[in-house]
Structure formats: structure tokens, C-alpha cells
């Protein structure tokens, strides 16, 4: 089974591939994103007390940065839509969990 490039979205950084298995006659669409730079920035911001202080002064709190590929995964696997206000309690619970702490850009609970 070979993987064929379909698309790269420069805005989200998501690359889409297609593969087809002739034995099983199964098509697979794979979407990938390099999230390392996002996670590195999240960690840096979480450790930057001046960033948090300035945000509070300007009346905002940057709580998290969720990569698009994670947003897509949550939506596909759990029906969780981070853009739906009715889902915010579930999003906050995920971000407050130790499993997804790397998505947060600040310390403390959301």
C-alpha cells in the first residue's frame, strides 16, 4: 500500500495523504500536522509570567492553543466541537486534565 500526497494547507499546516490497499480494497485518508512548534510555544508561554500579566492587564487570558489536527480528532472521535459554546465544559475538562496539559499556555485551571 503506497501513500500519495493530496494536499498541504499552509494555514493549518495539515498535510493530507491518500492510500489504497488493493488486497482489501480499502481507501485511507490520512491527515498529519507537525505540532512540535505549537507545543514548544505553549510551554514557553506557560512559563512566561510577563505574558500572563500583560494579558490580564489587557483583559484577556490566553488559556490554550489547540492544534487543528487535535481539534479534528476530538470532533471525529468524540463529537467534541471546540467552536461550539455548548461544548465548552467538556473542552475545559480536557484542557484541565493531565493528558492534555501540553495544550495549555498558562498554569492553573481553566
C-alpha atoms as a PDB file:
ATOM      1  CA  UNK A   1       0.000   0.000   0.000  1.00  0.00           C
ATOM      2  CA  UNK A   2       1.569   3.285  -1.074  1.00  0.00           C
ATOM      3  CA  UNK A   3       0.802   6.716   0.271  1.00  0.00           C
ATOM      4  CA  UNK A   4       0.053   9.524  -2.165  1.00  0.00           C
ATOM      5  CA  UNK A   5       0.223  13.224  -1.312  1.00  0.00           C
ATOM      6  CA  UNK A   6      -3.100  15.015  -1.834  1.00  0.00           C
ATOM      7  CA  UNK A   7      -2.835  18.446  -0.245  1.00  0.00           C
ATOM      8  CA  UNK A   8      -0.973  20.682   2.173  1.00  0.00           C
ATOM      9  CA  UNK A   9      -2.859  23.512   3.866  1.00  0.00           C
ATOM     10  CA  UNK A  10      -0.315  26.237   4.603  1.00  0.00           C
ATOM     11  CA  UNK A  11      -2.690  27.972   7.018  1.00  0.00           C
ATOM     12  CA  UNK A  12      -3.224  24.967   9.334  1.00  0.00           C
ATOM     13  CA  UNK A  13      -0.067  23.052   8.458  1.00  0.00           C
ATOM     14  CA  UNK A  14      -2.123  19.921   7.835  1.00  0.00           C
ATOM     15  CA  UNK A  15      -0.998  17.582   5.061  1.00  0.00           C
ATOM     16  CA  UNK A  16      -3.423  15.072   3.566  1.00  0.00           C
ATOM     17  CA  UNK A  17      -2.424  11.721   2.085  1.00  0.00           C
ATOM     18  CA  UNK A  18      -4.391   9.003   0.291  1.00  0.00           C
ATOM     19  CA  UNK A  19      -3.608   5.310   0.259  1.00  0.00           C
ATOM     20  CA  UNK A  20      -5.383   2.343  -1.271  1.00  0.00           C
ATOM     21  CA  UNK A  21      -4.926  -1.307  -0.360  1.00  0.00           C
ATOM     22  CA  UNK A  22      -5.657  -3.440  -3.419  1.00  0.00           C
ATOM     23  CA  UNK A  23      -5.935  -6.623  -1.315  1.00  0.00           C
ATOM     24  CA  UNK A  24      -8.655  -5.297   0.983  1.00  0.00           C
ATOM     25  CA  UNK A  25      -9.982  -2.703  -1.474  1.00  0.00           C
ATOM     26  CA  UNK A  26      -9.791  -0.163   1.314  1.00  0.00           C
ATOM     27  CA  UNK A  27      -9.102   3.546   0.891  1.00  0.00           C
ATOM     28  CA  UNK A  28      -7.492   5.526   3.691  1.00  0.00           C
ATOM     29  CA  UNK A  29      -7.255   9.291   4.036  1.00  0.00           C
ATOM     30  CA  UNK A  30      -4.576  10.372   6.498  1.00  0.00           C
ATOM     31  CA  UNK A  31      -4.163  13.903   7.834  1.00  0.00           C
ATOM     32  CA  UNK A  32      -0.995  14.885   9.704  1.00  0.00           C
ATOM     33  CA  UNK A  33       0.348  18.044  11.290  1.00  0.00           C
ATOM     34  CA  UNK A  34       3.700  18.810  12.878  1.00  0.00           C
ATOM     35  CA  UNK A  35       2.565  20.113  16.246  1.00  0.00           C
ATOM     36  CA  UNK A  36       6.012  20.323  17.871  1.00  0.00           C
ATOM     37  CA  UNK A  37       6.373  24.104  17.249  1.00  0.00           C
ATOM     38  CA  UNK A  38       2.915  24.725  18.721  1.00  0.00           C
ATOM     39  CA  UNK A  39       3.679  22.661  21.816  1.00  0.00           C
ATOM     40  CA  UNK A  40       7.046  24.378  22.264  1.00  0.00           C
ATOM     41  CA  UNK A  41       5.342  27.779  22.102  1.00  0.00           C
ATOM     42  CA  UNK A  42       2.610  26.663  24.522  1.00  0.00           C
ATOM     43  CA  UNK A  43       5.271  25.614  27.024  1.00  0.00           C
ATOM     44  CA  UNK A  44       7.196  28.863  26.599  1.00  0.00           C
ATOM     45  CA  UNK A  45       4.054  30.954  27.119  1.00  0.00           C
ATOM     46  CA  UNK A  46       3.045  28.916  30.179  1.00  0.00           C
ATOM     47  CA  UNK A  47       6.424  29.737  31.711  1.00  0.00           C
ATOM     48  CA  UNK A  48       6.291  33.451  30.786  1.00  0.00           C
ATOM     49  CA  UNK A  49       4.842  35.335  33.758  1.00  0.00           C
ATOM     50  CA  UNK A  50       5.064  38.655  31.897  1.00  0.00           C
ATOM     51  CA  UNK A  51       2.852  37.294  29.082  1.00  0.00           C
ATOM     52  CA  UNK A  52       0.196  36.284  31.601  1.00  0.00           C
ATOM     53  CA  UNK A  53       0.489  39.602  33.486  1.00  0.00           C
ATOM     54  CA  UNK A  54       0.149  41.626  30.260  1.00  0.00           C
ATOM     55  CA  UNK A  55      -2.839  39.553  29.169  1.00  0.00           C
ATOM     56  CA  UNK A  56      -4.612  40.131  32.451  1.00  0.00           C
ATOM     57  CA  UNK A  57      -3.827  43.850  32.185  1.00  0.00           C
ATOM     58  CA  UNK A  58      -5.320  43.886  28.665  1.00  0.00           C
ATOM     59  CA  UNK A  59      -8.384  41.913  29.869  1.00  0.00           C
ATOM     60  CA  UNK A  60      -7.642  38.593  28.223  1.00  0.00           C
ATOM     61  CA  UNK A  61      -6.299  35.251  29.281  1.00  0.00           C
ATOM     62  CA  UNK A  62      -4.729  33.034  26.636  1.00  0.00           C
ATOM     63  CA  UNK A  63      -5.544  29.689  28.227  1.00  0.00           C
ATOM     64  CA  UNK A  64      -4.593  27.226  25.478  1.00  0.00           C
ATOM     65  CA  UNK A  65      -3.630  26.739  21.864  1.00  0.00           C
ATOM     66  CA  UNK A  66      -5.093  23.553  20.391  1.00  0.00           C
ATOM     67  CA  UNK A  67      -3.570  22.338  17.104  1.00  0.00           C
ATOM     68  CA  UNK A  68      -6.081  21.877  14.290  1.00  0.00           C
ATOM     69  CA  UNK A  69      -5.293  18.170  13.999  1.00  0.00           C
ATOM     70  CA  UNK A  70      -6.292  17.700  17.654  1.00  0.00           C
ATOM     71  CA  UNK A  71      -9.495  19.686  17.069  1.00  0.00           C
ATOM     72  CA  UNK A  72     -10.307  17.403  14.125  1.00  0.00           C
ATOM     73  CA  UNK A  73      -9.511  14.284  16.169  1.00  0.00           C
ATOM     74  CA  UNK A  74     -11.765  15.319  19.049  1.00  0.00           C
ATOM     75  CA  UNK A  75     -14.595  16.113  16.657  1.00  0.00           C
ATOM     76  CA  UNK A  76     -14.280  12.848  14.706  1.00  0.00           C
ATOM     77  CA  UNK A  77     -13.764  10.522  17.662  1.00  0.00           C
ATOM     78  CA  UNK A  78     -15.830  12.169  20.397  1.00  0.00           C
ATOM     79  CA  UNK A  79     -18.177  14.603  18.681  1.00  0.00           C
ATOM     80  CA  UNK A  80     -16.492  17.372  20.690  1.00  0.00           C
ATOM     81  CA  UNK A  81     -16.588  20.694  18.842  1.00  0.00           C
ATOM     82  CA  UNK A  82     -14.278  23.284  20.404  1.00  0.00           C
ATOM     83  CA  UNK A  83     -16.091  26.007  18.444  1.00  0.00           C
ATOM     84  CA  UNK A  84     -19.487  25.129  19.937  1.00  0.00           C
ATOM     85  CA  UNK A  85     -20.221  27.129  23.132  1.00  0.00           C
ATOM     86  CA  UNK A  86     -22.365  24.221  24.392  1.00  0.00           C
ATOM     87  CA  UNK A  87     -19.231  22.021  24.447  1.00  0.00           C
ATOM     88  CA  UNK A  88     -17.059  24.411  26.471  1.00  0.00           C
ATOM     89  CA  UNK A  89     -17.383  22.477  29.738  1.00  0.00           C
ATOM     90  CA  UNK A  90     -16.059  19.338  28.018  1.00  0.00           C
ATOM     91  CA  UNK A  91     -13.248  21.322  26.339  1.00  0.00           C
ATOM     92  CA  UNK A  92     -12.248  22.841  29.691  1.00  0.00           C
ATOM     93  CA  UNK A  93     -12.290  19.404  31.329  1.00  0.00           C
ATOM     94  CA  UNK A  94      -9.955  18.070  28.631  1.00  0.00           C
ATOM     95  CA  UNK A  95      -7.596  21.022  28.935  1.00  0.00           C
ATOM     96  CA  UNK A  96      -7.542  20.694  32.733  1.00  0.00           C
ATOM     97  CA  UNK A  97      -6.639  17.000  32.504  1.00  0.00           C
ATOM     98  CA  UNK A  98      -3.012  15.943  32.748  1.00  0.00           C
ATOM     99  CA  UNK A  99      -3.381  14.162  29.386  1.00  0.00           C
ATOM    100  CA  UNK A 100      -3.790  17.470  27.538  1.00  0.00           C
ATOM    101  CA  UNK A 101      -1.832  19.856  29.799  1.00  0.00           C
ATOM    102  CA  UNK A 102       0.640  20.422  26.934  1.00  0.00           C
ATOM    103  CA  UNK A 103      -2.062  22.354  25.075  1.00  0.00           C
ATOM    104  CA  UNK A 104      -2.317  24.991  27.802  1.00  0.00           C
ATOM    105  CA  UNK A 105      -0.469  28.280  27.579  1.00  0.00           C
ATOM    106  CA  UNK A 106      -0.776  29.097  31.270  1.00  0.00           C
ATOM    107  CA  UNK A 107      -0.606  27.378  34.611  1.00  0.00           C
ATOM    108  CA  UNK A 108      -3.564  26.724  36.867  1.00  0.00           C
ATOM    109  CA  UNK A 109      -7.014  25.508  35.963  1.00  0.00           C
ATOM    110  CA  UNK A 110      -9.165  26.827  33.154  1.00  0.00           C
END
